[in-house]
Amino acid sequence: MAEDFPGDATFRALDEDGHDASPLSESEQRRVALQNILDAWDEALGEGVDADILATTAIFAALSDMVEAYGEEPVADMAKGLADRVRQGEFTLNRTMN
């Protein structure tokens, strides 16, 4: 059947582990990344790690990785804007809109 051939829109290349090897869009990458982080978060909580320790460790890991990739000044400049973004509710989940 024609749908069994690589030219068919339903065919997706798989890597050696059987995972979809097609490039992900940026929004798909964000969704997958967030889901993986939330899964790891839940696992750590289940192992007895306090949420505040987990949160500060996650922030440390993220900032450390960004500093390594971009340098201290660009990351510091980005971090300057975080307070306003927090106050505007950008990081508030399940927010009630008035």
N, C-alpha and C. Protein backbone atom coordinates (compact mmCIF):
# COMPACT_ATOMS: atom_id res chain seq x y z
N MET A 1 0.84 -1.18 0.00
CA MET A 1 0.00 0.00 0.00
C MET A 1 0.88 1.24 0.00
N ALA A 2 0.40 2.32 -0.59
CA ALA A 2 1.17 3.54 -0.71
C ALA A 2 1.51 4.15 0.63
N GLU A 3 0.62 4.00 1.63
CA GLU A 3 0.87 4.62 2.93
C GLU A 3 2.03 3.96 3.68
N ASP A 4 2.52 2.82 3.20
CA ASP A 4 3.63 2.13 3.86
C ASP A 4 4.99 2.65 3.40
N PHE A 5 5.04 3.54 2.46
CA PHE A 5 6.30 4.02 1.92
C PHE A 5 6.72 5.33 2.57
N PRO A 6 8.04 5.57 2.61
CA PRO A 6 8.55 6.77 3.28
C PRO A 6 7.99 8.08 2.78
N GLY A 7 7.52 8.16 1.56
CA GLY A 7 6.97 9.40 1.04
C GLY A 7 5.61 9.75 1.62
N ASP A 8 4.97 8.80 2.27
CA ASP A 8 3.65 9.03 2.84
C ASP A 8 3.76 9.95 4.05
N ALA A 9 2.77 10.82 4.23
CA ALA A 9 2.79 11.79 5.32
C ALA A 9 2.74 11.13 6.69
N THR A 10 2.24 9.91 6.80
CA THR A 10 2.14 9.26 8.10
C THR A 10 3.42 8.55 8.49
N PHE A 11 4.35 8.41 7.58
CA PHE A 11 5.62 7.74 7.88
C PHE A 11 6.53 8.68 8.67
N ARG A 12 7.07 8.19 9.78
CA ARG A 12 7.98 9.00 10.58
C ARG A 12 9.23 8.17 10.84
N ALA A 13 10.38 8.76 10.61
CA ALA A 13 11.65 8.07 10.84
C ALA A 13 11.83 7.81 12.33
N LEU A 14 12.40 6.64 12.66
CA LEU A 14 12.68 6.28 14.04
C LEU A 14 14.18 6.18 14.25
N ASP A 15 14.65 6.54 15.46
CA ASP A 15 16.06 6.38 15.77
C ASP A 15 16.32 4.93 16.18
N GLU A 16 17.56 4.63 16.59
CA GLU A 16 17.93 3.26 16.93
C GLU A 16 17.17 2.70 18.13
N ASP A 17 16.58 3.58 18.95
CA ASP A 17 15.80 3.14 20.11
C ASP A 17 14.31 3.06 19.80
N GLY A 18 13.93 3.35 18.57
CA GLY A 18 12.53 3.29 18.20
C GLY A 18 11.75 4.55 18.47
N HIS A 19 12.45 5.64 18.85
CA HIS A 19 11.78 6.93 19.09
C HIS A 19 11.69 7.72 17.80
N ASP A 20 10.69 8.56 17.72
CA ASP A 20 10.50 9.41 16.55
C ASP A 20 11.73 10.29 16.36
N ALA A 21 12.35 10.21 15.19
CA ALA A 21 13.58 10.96 14.92
C ALA A 21 13.30 12.25 14.15
N SER A 22 12.04 12.56 13.89
CA SER A 22 11.71 13.78 13.17
C SER A 22 12.05 14.99 14.04
N PRO A 23 12.55 16.06 13.42
CA PRO A 23 12.84 17.26 14.21
C PRO A 23 11.56 17.84 14.80
N LEU A 24 11.67 18.29 16.04
CA LEU A 24 10.52 18.88 16.72
C LEU A 24 10.48 20.38 16.49
N SER A 25 9.28 20.93 16.41
CA SER A 25 9.15 22.38 16.34
C SER A 25 9.55 22.94 17.70
N GLU A 26 9.76 24.24 17.77
CA GLU A 26 10.13 24.87 19.04
C GLU A 26 9.04 24.66 20.09
N SER A 27 7.78 24.80 19.70
CA SER A 27 6.70 24.61 20.66
C SER A 27 6.63 23.15 21.13
N GLU A 28 6.89 22.20 20.23
CA GLU A 28 6.92 20.79 20.64
C GLU A 28 8.09 20.52 21.59
N GLN A 29 9.25 21.14 21.30
CA GLN A 29 10.40 20.98 22.18
C GLN A 29 10.10 21.53 23.57
N ARG A 30 9.43 22.67 23.64
CA ARG A 30 9.06 23.26 24.93
C ARG A 30 8.11 22.35 25.69
N ARG A 31 7.14 21.77 24.99
CA ARG A 31 6.17 20.87 25.61
C ARG A 31 6.86 19.63 26.15
N VAL A 32 7.74 19.02 25.34
CA VAL A 32 8.46 17.82 25.76
C VAL A 32 9.39 18.14 26.93
N ALA A 33 10.09 19.26 26.85
CA ALA A 33 11.01 19.65 27.92
C ALA A 33 10.25 19.86 29.23
N LEU A 34 9.14 20.58 29.18
CA LEU A 34 8.37 20.83 30.39
C LEU A 34 7.83 19.52 30.96
N GLN A 35 7.34 18.64 30.12
CA GLN A 35 6.81 17.37 30.61
C GLN A 35 7.91 16.55 31.29
N ASN A 36 9.09 16.52 30.70
CA ASN A 36 10.20 15.79 31.31
C ASN A 36 10.60 16.38 32.66
N ILE A 37 10.63 17.69 32.73
CA ILE A 37 10.98 18.36 33.99
C ILE A 37 9.91 18.09 35.05
N LEU A 38 8.63 18.19 34.67
CA LEU A 38 7.56 17.92 35.63
C LEU A 38 7.58 16.47 36.11
N ASP A 39 7.91 15.54 35.21
CA ASP A 39 8.02 14.14 35.62
C ASP A 39 9.15 13.95 36.62
N ALA A 40 10.31 14.56 36.34
CA ALA A 40 11.45 14.47 37.26
C ALA A 40 11.12 15.15 38.59
N TRP A 41 10.41 16.26 38.53
CA TRP A 41 9.99 17.00 39.73
C TRP A 41 9.14 16.09 40.61
N ASP A 42 8.12 15.47 40.00
CA ASP A 42 7.23 14.58 40.75
C ASP A 42 8.00 13.41 41.36
N GLU A 43 8.95 12.88 40.61
CA GLU A 43 9.76 11.77 41.12
C GLU A 43 10.58 12.20 42.33
N ALA A 44 11.20 13.37 42.25
CA ALA A 44 12.00 13.87 43.37
C ALA A 44 11.12 14.12 44.60
N LEU A 45 9.95 14.71 44.40
CA LEU A 45 9.02 14.91 45.52
C LEU A 45 8.64 13.57 46.14
N GLY A 46 8.41 12.58 45.29
CA GLY A 46 8.05 11.25 45.76
C GLY A 46 9.17 10.57 46.54
N GLU A 47 10.41 11.00 46.28
CA GLU A 47 11.56 10.45 47.00
C GLU A 47 11.86 11.22 48.27
N GLY A 48 11.04 12.24 48.57
CA GLY A 48 11.18 12.96 49.82
C GLY A 48 11.93 14.27 49.76
N VAL A 49 12.24 14.76 48.57
CA VAL A 49 12.91 16.05 48.44
C VAL A 49 11.87 17.16 48.67
N ASP A 50 12.20 18.11 49.53
CA ASP A 50 11.30 19.23 49.79
C ASP A 50 11.17 20.09 48.54
N ALA A 51 9.96 20.61 48.30
CA ALA A 51 9.69 21.40 47.10
C ALA A 51 10.57 22.64 47.02
N ASP A 52 10.84 23.32 48.15
CA ASP A 52 11.66 24.52 48.10
C ASP A 52 13.12 24.19 47.76
N ILE A 53 13.62 23.06 48.24
CA ILE A 53 14.97 22.64 47.89
C ILE A 53 15.03 22.26 46.41
N LEU A 54 14.03 21.56 45.95
CA LEU A 54 13.96 21.18 44.54
C LEU A 54 13.91 22.42 43.65
N ALA A 55 13.11 23.41 44.04
CA ALA A 55 12.98 24.63 43.24
C ALA A 55 14.29 25.40 43.16
N THR A 56 14.94 25.61 44.29
CA THR A 56 16.20 26.37 44.26
C THR A 56 17.28 25.61 43.51
N THR A 57 17.27 24.29 43.62
CA THR A 57 18.24 23.49 42.87
C THR A 57 17.97 23.57 41.37
N ALA A 58 16.70 23.56 40.98
CA ALA A 58 16.36 23.66 39.56
C ALA A 58 16.76 25.02 38.99
N ILE A 59 16.53 26.08 39.77
CA ILE A 59 16.94 27.41 39.33
C ILE A 59 18.46 27.47 39.19
N PHE A 60 19.18 26.93 40.16
CA PHE A 60 20.64 26.89 40.10
C PHE A 60 21.10 26.15 38.84
N ALA A 61 20.51 24.98 38.59
CA ALA A 61 20.91 24.19 37.43
C ALA A 61 20.65 24.94 36.12
N ALA A 62 19.48 25.59 36.03
CA ALA A 62 19.14 26.33 34.82
C ALA A 62 20.08 27.51 34.60
N LEU A 63 20.30 28.29 35.65
CA LEU A 63 21.19 29.46 35.52
C LEU A 63 22.62 29.05 35.23
N SER A 64 23.09 27.98 35.87
CA SER A 64 24.45 27.50 35.62
C SER A 64 24.63 27.10 34.16
N ASP A 65 23.64 26.40 33.62
CA ASP A 65 23.71 25.97 32.23
C ASP A 65 23.68 27.17 31.29
N MET A 66 22.84 28.15 31.60
CA MET A 66 22.77 29.34 30.77
C MET A 66 24.06 30.15 30.82
N VAL A 67 24.66 30.26 32.02
CA VAL A 67 25.94 30.98 32.14
C VAL A 67 27.01 30.29 31.32
N GLU A 68 27.02 28.97 31.36
CA GLU A 68 28.00 28.23 30.57
C GLU A 68 27.81 28.48 29.08
N ALA A 69 26.56 28.56 28.65
CA ALA A 69 26.27 28.75 27.23
C ALA A 69 26.44 30.19 26.76
N TYR A 70 26.03 31.17 27.59
CA TYR A 70 25.96 32.56 27.13
C TYR A 70 26.88 33.52 27.86
N GLY A 71 27.37 33.12 29.02
CA GLY A 71 28.22 34.01 29.81
C GLY A 71 27.44 34.69 30.91
N GLU A 72 28.17 35.21 31.87
CA GLU A 72 27.55 35.78 33.06
C GLU A 72 26.74 37.04 32.79
N GLU A 73 27.27 37.98 32.02
CA GLU A 73 26.56 39.25 31.80
C GLU A 73 25.23 39.09 31.07
N PRO A 74 25.18 38.34 29.97
CA PRO A 74 23.87 38.17 29.31
C PRO A 74 22.84 37.50 30.22
N VAL A 75 23.27 36.53 31.03
CA VAL A 75 22.33 35.86 31.93
C VAL A 75 21.90 36.82 33.04
N ALA A 76 22.83 37.60 33.55
CA ALA A 76 22.48 38.60 34.58
C ALA A 76 21.49 39.61 34.01
N ASP A 77 21.68 40.04 32.77
CA ASP A 77 20.74 40.97 32.15
C ASP A 77 19.36 40.34 32.00
N MET A 78 19.31 39.08 31.61
CA MET A 78 18.04 38.37 31.49
C MET A 78 17.36 38.27 32.85
N ALA A 79 18.15 37.96 33.88
CA ALA A 79 17.60 37.77 35.22
C ALA A 79 17.04 39.07 35.80
N LYS A 80 17.56 40.22 35.35
CA LYS A 80 17.04 41.51 35.83
C LYS A 80 15.55 41.64 35.60
N GLY A 81 15.07 41.10 34.50
CA GLY A 81 13.67 41.23 34.15
C GLY A 81 12.76 40.20 34.80
N LEU A 82 13.33 39.25 35.52
CA LEU A 82 12.50 38.20 36.09
C LEU A 82 11.54 38.70 37.17
N ALA A 83 11.97 39.65 37.99
CA ALA A 83 11.10 40.15 39.07
C ALA A 83 9.80 40.71 38.50
N ASP A 84 9.90 41.52 37.46
CA ASP A 84 8.69 42.09 36.86
C ASP A 84 7.82 41.01 36.24
N ARG A 85 8.43 40.02 35.61
CA ARG A 85 7.67 38.93 35.00
C ARG A 85 6.94 38.12 36.06
N VAL A 86 7.58 37.90 37.21
CA VAL A 86 6.93 37.19 38.31
C VAL A 86 5.74 38.00 38.80
N ARG A 87 5.95 39.30 39.01
CA ARG A 87 4.87 40.17 39.50
C ARG A 87 3.70 40.25 38.53
N GLN A 88 3.97 40.12 37.25
CA GLN A 88 2.91 40.18 36.24
C GLN A 88 2.17 38.85 36.09
N GLY A 89 2.61 37.83 36.85
CA GLY A 89 1.91 36.56 36.85
C GLY A 89 2.34 35.57 35.79
N GLU A 90 3.43 35.87 35.09
CA GLU A 90 3.86 35.00 33.99
C GLU A 90 4.18 33.58 34.47
N PHE A 91 4.57 33.42 35.73
CA PHE A 91 4.94 32.12 36.24
C PHE A 91 3.90 31.53 37.19
N THR A 92 2.75 32.19 37.29
CA THR A 92 1.69 31.73 38.18
C THR A 92 0.80 30.75 37.44
N LEU A 93 0.76 29.52 37.93
CA LEU A 93 -0.10 28.50 37.33
C LEU A 93 -1.47 28.58 37.97
N ASN A 94 -2.49 28.21 37.22
CA ASN A 94 -3.87 28.19 37.71
C ASN A 94 -4.28 29.55 38.27
N ARG A 95 -3.88 30.60 37.60
CA ARG A 95 -4.16 31.97 38.00
C ARG A 95 -5.61 32.32 37.70
N THR A 96 -6.25 33.02 38.61
CA THR A 96 -7.61 33.51 38.40
C THR A 96 -7.52 34.92 37.82
N MET A 97 -8.16 35.10 36.70
CA MET A 97 -8.17 36.41 36.04
C MET A 97 -9.36 37.21 36.57
N ASN A 98 -9.13 38.44 36.98
CA ASN A 98 -10.20 39.31 37.47
C ASN A 98 -10.71 40.20 36.38
